[in-house]
C-alpha atoms as a PDB file:
ATOM      1  CA  MET A   1      96.834  46.779  96.598  1.00  0.00           C
ATOM      2  CA  GLY A   2      94.665  48.046  93.741  1.00  0.00           C
ATOM      3  CA  LYS A   3      95.708  50.800  91.384  1.00  0.00           C
ATOM      4  CA  GLN A   4      95.301  54.248  92.986  1.00  0.00           C
ATOM      5  CA  ILE A   5      92.653  56.388  91.328  1.00  0.00           C
ATOM      6  CA  ARG A   6      94.017  59.679  90.053  1.00  0.00           C
ATOM      7  CA  LEU A   7      92.931  62.769  91.971  1.00  0.00           C
ATOM      8  CA  GLY A   8      91.116  64.343  89.039  1.00  0.00           C
ATOM      9  CA  GLU A   9      89.169  61.183  88.322  1.00  0.00           C
ATOM     10  CA  LEU A  10      88.236  60.841  91.986  1.00  0.00           C
ATOM     11  CA  LEU A  11      86.988  64.416  92.160  1.00  0.00           C
ATOM     12  CA  VAL A  12      84.781  63.907  89.110  1.00  0.00           C
ATOM     13  CA  GLU A  13      83.522  60.582  90.518  1.00  0.00           C
ATOM     14  CA  LYS A  14      82.604  62.286  93.822  1.00  0.00           C
ATOM     15  CA  GLY A  15      80.877  65.126  91.984  1.00  0.00           C
ATOM     16  CA  LEU A  16      83.246  67.758  93.424  1.00  0.00           C
ATOM     17  CA  ALA A  17      84.473  68.904  90.006  1.00  0.00           C
ATOM     18  CA  THR A  18      83.563  68.467  86.373  1.00  0.00           C
ATOM     19  CA  ALA A  19      85.790  66.909  83.753  1.00  0.00           C
ATOM     20  CA  ALA A  20      86.038  70.311  82.048  1.00  0.00           C
ATOM     21  CA  GLN A  21      87.219  71.943  85.276  1.00  0.00           C
ATOM     22  CA  ILE A  22      89.844  69.237  85.795  1.00  0.00           C
ATOM     23  CA  ASP A  23      91.071  69.641  82.208  1.00  0.00           C
ATOM     24  CA  GLU A  24      91.378  73.401  82.673  1.00  0.00           C
ATOM     25  CA  ALA A  25      93.305  72.948  85.942  1.00  0.00           C
ATOM     26  CA  VAL A  26      95.623  70.423  84.285  1.00  0.00           C
ATOM     27  CA  ARG A  27      96.335  72.881  81.454  1.00  0.00           C
ATOM     28  CA  ILE A  28      97.209  75.537  84.042  1.00  0.00           C
ATOM     29  CA  GLN A  29      99.405  73.027  85.882  1.00  0.00           C
ATOM     30  CA  VAL A  30     101.495  72.133  82.805  1.00  0.00           C
ATOM     31  CA  GLY A  31     104.971  73.694  82.852  1.00  0.00           C
ATOM     32  CA  GLY A  32     104.957  74.432  86.586  1.00  0.00           C
ATOM     33  CA  ASN A  33     105.374  72.612  89.869  1.00  0.00           C
ATOM     34  CA  ARG A  34     102.012  73.544  91.383  1.00  0.00           C
ATOM     35  CA  ARG A  35      99.845  70.687  92.567  1.00  0.00           C
ATOM     36  CA  LEU A  36      96.454  70.009  91.031  1.00  0.00           C
ATOM     37  CA  GLY A  37      94.678  70.293  94.376  1.00  0.00           C
ATOM     38  CA  TYR A  38      96.310  73.700  95.048  1.00  0.00           C
ATOM     39  CA  ILE A  39      95.145  74.986  91.654  1.00  0.00           C
ATOM     40  CA  LEU A  40      91.593  73.748  92.181  1.00  0.00           C
ATOM     41  CA  ILE A  41      91.454  75.489  95.571  1.00  0.00           C
ATOM     42  CA  LYS A  42      92.703  78.747  94.054  1.00  0.00           C
ATOM     43  CA  MET A  43      90.117  78.397  91.248  1.00  0.00           C
ATOM     44  CA  GLY A  44      87.401  78.175  93.936  1.00  0.00           C
ATOM     45  CA  ILE A  45      86.335  74.678  92.866  1.00  0.00           C
ATOM     46  CA  LEU A  46      87.457  72.963  96.076  1.00  0.00           C
ATOM     47  CA  SER A  47      87.796  73.948  99.714  1.00  0.00           C
ATOM     48  CA  ASP A  48      90.793  72.948 101.844  1.00  0.00           C
ATOM     49  CA  ASP A  49      88.688  70.433 103.761  1.00  0.00           C
ATOM     50  CA  GLN A  50      87.194  68.903 100.610  1.00  0.00           C
ATOM     51  CA  LEU A  51      90.660  68.323  99.185  1.00  0.00           C
ATOM     52  CA  LEU A  52      91.817  66.822 102.470  1.00  0.00           C
ATOM     53  CA  GLU A  53      88.903  64.384 102.598  1.00  0.00           C
ATOM     54  CA  ILE A  54      89.569  63.305  99.008  1.00  0.00           C
ATOM     55  CA  LEU A  55      93.292  62.803  99.614  1.00  0.00           C
ATOM     56  CA  SER A  56      92.504  60.806 102.748  1.00  0.00           C
ATOM     57  CA  ALA A  57      90.202  58.508 100.772  1.00  0.00           C
ATOM     58  CA  GLN A  58      92.535  58.319  97.777  1.00  0.00           C
ATOM     59  CA  ARG A  59      95.595  57.317  99.796  1.00  0.00           C
ATOM     60  CA  ASP A  60      93.770  55.466 102.560  1.00  0.00           C
ATOM     61  CA  SER A  61      95.434  57.814 105.033  1.00  0.00           C
ATOM     62  CA  PRO A  62      93.523  58.950 108.146  1.00  0.00           C
ATOM     63  CA  ILE A  63      93.295  62.609 109.143  1.00  0.00           C
ATOM     64  CA  ILE A  64      95.126  62.930 112.437  1.00  0.00           C
ATOM     65  CA  LYS A  65      94.466  65.129 115.457  1.00  0.00           C
ATOM     66  CA  ILE A  66      97.724  67.038 115.905  1.00  0.00           C
ATOM     67  CA  ASP A  67      97.481  67.804 119.622  1.00  0.00           C
ATOM     68  CA  ALA A  68      96.936  64.130 120.391  1.00  0.00           C
ATOM     69  CA  ALA A  69      99.778  62.922 118.166  1.00  0.00           C
ATOM     70  CA  ILE A  70     102.567  65.488 118.463  1.00  0.00           C
ATOM     71  CA  SER A  71     105.741  64.670 120.399  1.00  0.00           C
ATOM     72  CA  SER A  72     107.669  67.345 122.270  1.00  0.00           C
ATOM     73  CA  GLU A  73     110.982  65.957 120.993  1.00  0.00           C
ATOM     74  CA  VAL A  74     110.277  67.221 117.456  1.00  0.00           C
ATOM     75  CA  THR A  75     109.012  70.739 118.181  1.00  0.00           C
ATOM     76  CA  LYS A  76     112.437  72.226 117.436  1.00  0.00           C
ATOM     77  CA  VAL A  77     113.199  70.173 114.336  1.00  0.00           C
ATOM     78  CA  LEU A  78     111.775  72.836 111.982  1.00  0.00           C
ATOM     79  CA  PRO A  79     111.640  76.616 112.461  1.00  0.00           C
ATOM     80  CA  ARG A  80     108.305  78.369 112.336  1.00  0.00           C
ATOM     81  CA  TYR A  81     108.953  80.102 109.032  1.00  0.00           C
ATOM     82  CA  LEU A  82     109.449  76.763 107.261  1.00  0.00           C
ATOM     83  CA  CYS A  83     106.346  75.273 108.880  1.00  0.00           C
ATOM     84  CA  ARG A  84     104.327  78.320 107.786  1.00  0.00           C
ATOM     85  CA  LYS A  85     105.787  78.291 104.298  1.00  0.00           C
ATOM     86  CA  TYR A  86     104.658  74.729 103.567  1.00  0.00           C
ATOM     87  CA  SER A  87     101.755  74.478 106.047  1.00  0.00           C
ATOM     88  CA  VAL A  88     103.336  71.507 107.834  1.00  0.00           C
ATOM     89  CA  ILE A  89     104.294  70.528 111.376  1.00  0.00           C
ATOM     90  CA  PRO A  90     106.554  67.711 112.635  1.00  0.00           C
ATOM     91  CA  ILE A  91     104.659  65.107 114.676  1.00  0.00           C
ATOM     92  CA  ALA A  92     107.134  62.473 115.818  1.00  0.00           C
ATOM     93  CA  LYS A  93     110.418  60.736 115.135  1.00  0.00           C
ATOM     94  CA  ALA A  94     110.261  57.112 114.123  1.00  0.00           C
ATOM     95  CA  ASP A  95     112.921  54.438 113.696  1.00  0.00           C
ATOM     96  CA  ASN A  96     115.428  54.600 110.847  1.00  0.00           C
ATOM     97  CA  ASN A  97     115.672  58.419 110.861  1.00  0.00           C
ATOM     98  CA  VAL A  98     112.039  58.899 109.834  1.00  0.00           C
ATOM     99  CA  LEU A  99     110.164  62.153 110.592  1.00  0.00           C
ATOM    100  CA  GLU A 100     106.384  62.025 110.670  1.00  0.00           C
ATOM    101  CA  LEU A 101     105.153  65.279 109.184  1.00  0.00           C
ATOM    102  CA  ALA A 102     101.572  66.511 109.300  1.00  0.00           C
ATOM    103  CA  MET A 103     100.558  68.108 105.986  1.00  0.00           C
ATOM    104  CA  MET A 104      97.388  69.294 104.363  1.00  0.00           C
ATOM    105  CA  ASP A 105      98.518  67.724 101.078  1.00  0.00           C
ATOM    106  CA  ASN A 106     100.745  64.676 101.402  1.00  0.00           C
ATOM    107  CA  SER A 107     101.445  64.766  97.662  1.00  0.00           C
ATOM    108  CA  ASP A 108     103.436  67.999  97.983  1.00  0.00           C
ATOM    109  CA  ASP A 109     106.743  66.592  96.782  1.00  0.00           C
ATOM    110  CA  THR A 110     108.438  70.024  96.787  1.00  0.00           C
ATOM    111  CA  ALA A 111     107.713  70.539 100.493  1.00  0.00           C
ATOM    112  CA  ILE A 112     108.782  67.006 101.344  1.00  0.00           C
ATOM    113  CA  ALA A 113     112.070  67.336  99.423  1.00  0.00           C
ATOM    114  CA  ASP A 114     112.916  70.729 100.999  1.00  0.00           C
ATOM    115  CA  ILE A 115     112.207  69.490 104.513  1.00  0.00           C
ATOM    116  CA  GLU A 116     114.222  66.318 103.959  1.00  0.00           C
ATOM    117  CA  ASN A 117     117.128  68.476 102.777  1.00  0.00           C
ATOM    118  CA  TYR A 118     116.757  70.750 105.802  1.00  0.00           C
ATOM    119  CA  THR A 119     116.488  68.012 108.430  1.00  0.00           C
ATOM    120  CA  GLY A 120     118.529  65.213 106.851  1.00  0.00           C
ATOM    121  CA  MET A 121     115.647  62.894 107.745  1.00  0.00           C
ATOM    122  CA  VAL A 122     113.204  60.853 105.698  1.00  0.00           C
ATOM    123  CA  VAL A 123     109.742  62.422 105.724  1.00  0.00           C
ATOM    124  CA  LYS A 124     106.702  60.273 106.280  1.00  0.00           C
ATOM    125  CA  PRO A 125     103.690  62.492 105.506  1.00  0.00           C
ATOM    126  CA  VAL A 126     100.428  62.232 107.413  1.00  0.00           C
ATOM    127  CA  LEU A 127      97.274  64.235 106.785  1.00  0.00           C
ATOM    128  CA  ALA A 128      95.908  67.026 108.988  1.00  0.00           C
ATOM    129  CA  ARG A 129      93.582  69.962 108.476  1.00  0.00           C
ATOM    130  CA  ALA A 130      95.166  73.262 107.424  1.00  0.00           C
ATOM    131  CA  THR A 131      93.514  75.175 110.281  1.00  0.00           C
ATOM    132  CA  ASP A 132      94.731  72.592 112.808  1.00  0.00           C
ATOM    133  CA  ILE A 133      98.277  72.832 111.425  1.00  0.00           C
ATOM    134  CA  SER A 134      98.263  76.624 111.563  1.00  0.00           C
ATOM    135  CA  ASP A 135      96.979  76.681 115.152  1.00  0.00           C
ATOM    136  CA  ALA A 136      99.420  73.985 116.256  1.00  0.00           C
ATOM    137  CA  ILE A 137     102.420  75.842 114.785  1.00  0.00           C
ATOM    138  CA  GLY A 138     101.628  78.811 117.020  1.00  0.00           C
ATOM    139  CA  ARG A 139     101.216  76.602 120.099  1.00  0.00           C
ATOM    140  CA  HIS A 140     103.982  74.048 119.672  1.00  0.00           C
ATOM    141  CA  ILE A 141     106.763  75.457 117.457  1.00  0.00           C
ATOM    142  CA  PRO A 142     108.931  77.977 119.370  1.00  0.00           C
ATOM    143  CA  PHE A 143     109.962  81.237 117.739  1.00  0.00           C
ATOM    144  CA  SER A 144     113.726  81.296 117.132  1.00  0.00           C
ATOM    145  CA  ALA A 145     116.480  83.373 115.550  1.00  0.00           C
ATOM    146  CA  LYS A 146     116.093  81.318 112.391  1.00  0.00           C
ATOM    147  CA  ASP A 147     112.673  82.886 111.943  1.00  0.00           C
ATOM    148  CA  LEU A 148     114.302  86.311 111.798  1.00  0.00           C
ATOM    149  CA  PHE A 149     117.332  85.420 109.712  1.00  0.00           C
ATOM    150  CA  ASN A 150     115.999  83.357 106.843  1.00  0.00           C
ATOM    151  CA  PRO A 151     115.942  83.963 103.076  1.00  0.00           C
ATOM    152  CA  HIS A 152     112.247  84.859 103.010  1.00  0.00           C
ATOM    153  CA  VAL A 153     112.275  87.456 105.770  1.00  0.00           C
ATOM    154  CA  PHE A 154     115.734  88.682 104.801  1.00  0.00           C
ATOM    155  CA  GLY A 155     114.673  89.118 101.188  1.00  0.00           C
ATOM    156  CA  ARG A 156     111.693  91.261 102.178  1.00  0.00           C
ATOM    157  CA  ALA A 157     113.744  93.167 104.754  1.00  0.00           C
ATOM    158  CA  THR A 158     116.429  93.847 102.171  1.00  0.00           C
ATOM    159  CA  LYS A 159     113.856  95.373  99.831  1.00  0.00           C
ATOM    160  CA  VAL A 160     112.433  97.530 102.631  1.00  0.00           C
ATOM    161  CA  PHE A 161     115.869  98.730 103.759  1.00  0.00           C
ATOM    162  CA  ALA A 162     116.900  99.391 100.159  1.00  0.00           C
ATOM    163  CA  ALA A 163     113.781 101.511  99.634  1.00  0.00           C
ATOM    164  CA  ILE A 164     114.408 103.412 102.886  1.00  0.00           C
ATOM    165  CA  ALA A 165     118.064 103.932 101.926  1.00  0.00           C
ATOM    166  CA  LEU A 166     117.016 105.262  98.517  1.00  0.00           C
ATOM    167  CA  ILE A 167     114.540 107.683 100.102  1.00  0.00           C
ATOM    168  CA  LEU A 168     117.156 108.859 102.608  1.00  0.00           C
ATOM    169  CA  LEU A 169     119.689 109.281  99.806  1.00  0.00           C
ATOM    170  CA  CYS A 170     117.208 111.442  97.895  1.00  0.00           C
ATOM    171  CA  VAL A 171     116.463 113.504 101.014  1.00  0.00           C
ATOM    172  CA  VAL A 172     120.166 113.985 101.733  1.00  0.00           C
ATOM    173  CA  GLY A 173     120.727 114.910  98.097  1.00  0.00           C
ATOM    174  CA  VAL A 174     117.992 117.558  98.212  1.00  0.00           C
ATOM    175  CA  ILE A 175     119.314 118.963 101.494  1.00  0.00           C
ATOM    176  CA  ALA A 176     122.880 119.039 100.151  1.00  0.00           C
ATOM    177  CA  TYR A 177     121.716 120.719  96.955  1.00  0.00           C
ATOM    178  CA  LYS A 178     119.798 123.363  98.907  1.00  0.00           C
ATOM    179  CA  TYR A 179     122.818 123.918 101.146  1.00  0.00           C
ATOM    180  CA  MET A 180     125.113 124.400  98.158  1.00  0.00           C
ATOM    181  CA  GLN A 181     122.603 126.723  96.537  1.00  0.00           C
ATOM    182  CA  ALA A 182     122.347 128.756  99.737  1.00  0.00           C
ATOM    183  CA  GLU A 183     126.144 128.790 100.072  1.00  0.00           C
ATOM    184  CA  LYS A 184     126.546 130.039  96.526  1.00  0.00           C
ATOM    185  CA  PHE A 185     123.573 132.339  96.068  1.00  0.00           C
ATOM    186  CA  GLY A 186     122.354 133.117  99.598  1.00  0.00           C
ATOM    187  CA  SER A 187     118.804 134.337 100.013  1.00  0.00           C
ATOM    188  CA  ILE A 188     116.729 136.651  97.870  1.00  0.00           C
ATOM    189  CA  SER A 189     113.689 138.513  99.156  1.00  0.00           C
ATOM    190  CA  LEU A 190     111.237 140.944  97.608  1.00  0.00           C
ATOM    191  CA  VAL A 191     109.690 143.738  99.657  1.00  0.00           C
ATOM    192  CA  GLY A 192     107.527 146.162  97.737  1.00  0.00           C
ATOM    193  CA  ASP A 193     109.536 147.434  94.758  1.00  0.00           C
ATOM    194  CA  SER A 194     112.930 146.462  96.142  1.00  0.00           C
ATOM    195  CA  ARG A 195     114.914 143.246  95.950  1.00  0.00           C
ATOM    196  CA  THR A 196     117.351 142.241  98.690  1.00  0.00           C
ATOM    197  CA  TYR A 197     120.220 139.753  98.344  1.00  0.00           C
ATOM    198  CA  LYS A 198     121.932 138.340 101.464  1.00  0.00           C
ATOM    199  CA  ASN A 199     125.047 136.192 101.697  1.00  0.00           C
ATOM    200  CA  HIS A 200     128.539 136.051 103.223  1.00  0.00           C
ATOM    201  CA  ASP A 201     127.912 138.844 105.810  1.00  0.00           C
ATOM    202  CA  LEU A 202     126.738 141.175 103.037  1.00  0.00           C
ATOM    203  CA  MET A 203     123.372 142.556 102.029  1.00  0.00           C
ATOM    204  CA  LEU A 204     122.673 144.155  98.680  1.00  0.00           C
ATOM    205  CA  GLY A 205     119.417 146.033  98.087  1.00  0.00           C
ATOM    206  CA  VAL A 206     118.241 147.026  94.629  1.00  0.00           C
ATOM    207  CA  GLU A 207     115.418 149.574  94.278  1.00  0.00           C
ATOM    208  CA  LYS A 208     113.027 149.739  91.337  1.00  0.00           C
ATOM    209  CA  ASP A 209     114.625 152.999  90.182  1.00  0.00           C
ATOM    210  CA  GLY A 210     118.014 151.270  89.933  1.00  0.00           C
ATOM    211  CA  LYS A 211     119.619 152.567  93.114  1.00  0.00           C
ATOM    212  CA  VAL A 212     121.753 150.018  94.944  1.00  0.00           C
ATOM    213  CA  SER A 213     122.655 149.814  98.635  1.00  0.00           C
ATOM    214  CA  LEU A 214     125.545 147.729  99.967  1.00  0.00           C
ATOM    215  CA  LEU A 215     125.546 146.871 103.669  1.00  0.00           C
ATOM    216  CA  GLY A 216     127.748 144.536 105.674  1.00  0.00           C
ATOM    217  CA  HIS A 217     131.308 143.596 106.382  1.00  0.00           C
ATOM    218  CA  GLY A 218     134.036 142.957 103.833  1.00  0.00           C
ATOM    219  CA  ALA A 219     136.240 140.075 104.932  1.00  0.00           C
ATOM    220  CA  TYR A 220     139.389 142.225 104.825  1.00  0.00           C
ATOM    221  CA  ALA A 221     137.907 145.682 105.405  1.00  0.00           C
ATOM    222  CA  LYS A 222     137.863 147.716 108.588  1.00  0.00           C
ATOM    223  CA  GLY A 223     134.385 148.409 109.850  1.00  0.00           C
ATOM    224  CA  TYR A 224     131.111 147.938 107.970  1.00  0.00           C
ATOM    225  CA  TYR A 225     129.870 149.158 104.619  1.00  0.00           C
ATOM    226  CA  SER A 226     126.731 151.245 104.260  1.00  0.00           C
ATOM    227  CA  VAL A 227     127.012 152.657 100.779  1.00  0.00           C
ATOM    228  CA  THR A 228     124.397 153.686  98.219  1.00  0.00           C
ATOM    229  CA  PHE A 229     125.016 153.777  94.452  1.00  0.00           C
ATOM    230  CA  ASN A 230     122.933 155.325  91.704  1.00  0.00           C
ATOM    231  CA  ASP A 231     123.088 152.207  89.556  1.00  0.00           C
ATOM    232  CA  ILE A 232     124.596 148.742  89.329  1.00  0.00           C
ATOM    233  CA  LYS A 233     127.485 149.861  87.112  1.00  0.00           C
ATOM    234  CA  THR A 234     128.654 152.305  89.751  1.00  0.00           C
ATOM    235  CA  LEU A 235     128.603 149.471  92.279  1.00  0.00           C
ATOM    236  CA  GLN A 236     130.695 147.345  89.940  1.00  0.00           C
ATOM    237  CA  GLY A 237     133.307 150.091  89.633  1.00  0.00           C
ATOM    238  CA  PHE A 238     133.417 150.434  93.408  1.00  0.00           C
ATOM    239  CA  LEU A 239     133.966 146.687  93.855  1.00  0.00           C
ATOM    240  CA  GLU A 240     136.791 146.649  91.342  1.00  0.00           C
ATOM    241  CA  GLN A 241     138.524 149.421  93.298  1.00  0.00           C
ATOM    242  CA  LYS A 242     137.921 147.686  96.651  1.00  0.00           C
ATOM    243  CA  ARG A 243     138.544 144.135  95.435  1.00  0.00           C
ATOM    244  CA  LYS A 244     141.159 143.447  98.119  1.00  0.00           C
ATOM    245  CA  ASN A 245     138.630 144.192 100.884  1.00  0.00           C
ATOM    246  CA  PHE A 246     136.446 141.213  99.945  1.00  0.00           C
ATOM    247  CA  SER A 247     137.046 137.493 100.109  1.00  0.00           C
ATOM    248  CA  ASP A 248     136.862 135.458  96.913  1.00  0.00           C
ATOM    249  CA  LYS A 249     133.450 134.111  97.927  1.00  0.00           C
ATOM    250  CA  GLN A 250     132.118 137.584  98.666  1.00  0.00           C
ATOM    251  CA  TYR A 251     133.467 139.043  95.444  1.00  0.00           C
ATOM    252  CA  ASP A 252     132.204 136.164  93.282  1.00  0.00           C
ATOM    253  CA  TRP A 253     128.772 136.411  94.888  1.00  0.00           C
ATOM    254  CA  LEU A 254     128.594 140.187  94.350  1.00  0.00           C
ATOM    255  CA  MET A 255     129.574 139.698  90.682  1.00  0.00           C
ATOM    256  CA  TRP A 256     126.833 137.077  90.380  1.00  0.00           C
ATOM    257  CA  VAL A 257     124.269 139.537  91.802  1.00  0.00           C
ATOM    258  CA  ILE A 258     125.412 142.194  89.340  1.00  0.00           C
ATOM    259  CA  ALA A 259     125.158 139.745  86.432  1.00  0.00           C
ATOM    260  CA  SER A 260     121.701 138.626  87.585  1.00  0.00           C
ATOM    261  CA  GLN A 261     120.501 142.204  87.781  1.00  0.00           C
ATOM    262  CA  ALA A 262     121.907 142.956  84.348  1.00  0.00           C
ATOM    263  CA  GLN A 263     119.979 140.019  82.874  1.00  0.00           C
ATOM    264  CA  ASN A 264     116.783 140.744  84.796  1.00  0.00           C
ATOM    265  CA  PRO A 265     116.766 144.392  85.910  1.00  0.00           C
ATOM    266  CA  SER A 266     113.037 144.394  86.691  1.00  0.00           C
ATOM    267  CA  GLY A 267     113.418 141.435  89.093  1.00  0.00           C
ATOM    268  CA  SER A 268     110.515 139.554  87.506  1.00  0.00           C
END
């Protein structure tokens, strides 16, 4: 058997690429495990079919027709996700634990090694068109649980669920914060020149002229309050006298309203 012509040299000889293009692709290839043919396709220099024809001529390997060659005994050897990942499909089992594997690029050593590790078989690559492989995977390789629970799908799913969990955590945090704010401060509304505070079964209205109205039920008082004061200080004196009629939450909230009014009497 004569010495096999290198792929780059063969492409230049066939006029499918220039020497400069091959040199550039080789420079890109250095330091990685990408194949030269893959890089040339991504660079737009070659099509899938052109690469396949060159590989077939280079390795004296015919391009098979998958539907005519595939054996039903191998359709469950590889899960769909692995076939899709490497653009391959098992064709047949041969003697001595050999698996015939249809590939678009039979020089893909990474794919061959991974599939040998997965199956425990020796891979014998044969060439087939990428479109034929893709169509045949859908027709011949059954969908299984392995296609759902595999590192590739699981990795993407984990990222999606993590993002959803983070969003939900933020939403819950905002809701909890608003709840705590409402629990502590209640609601505040402005109607005309008056400001009304509501919380803990109490309502406190403050007019622009400084008059204050207290309505509602003290936790330990009999009946309901409906009292008007000339100013906020008078209200404070009243609360100090009636401290025992209010719960701690009510009293603390009323003191907060008084402090807020003292800092911002105009309500702006």
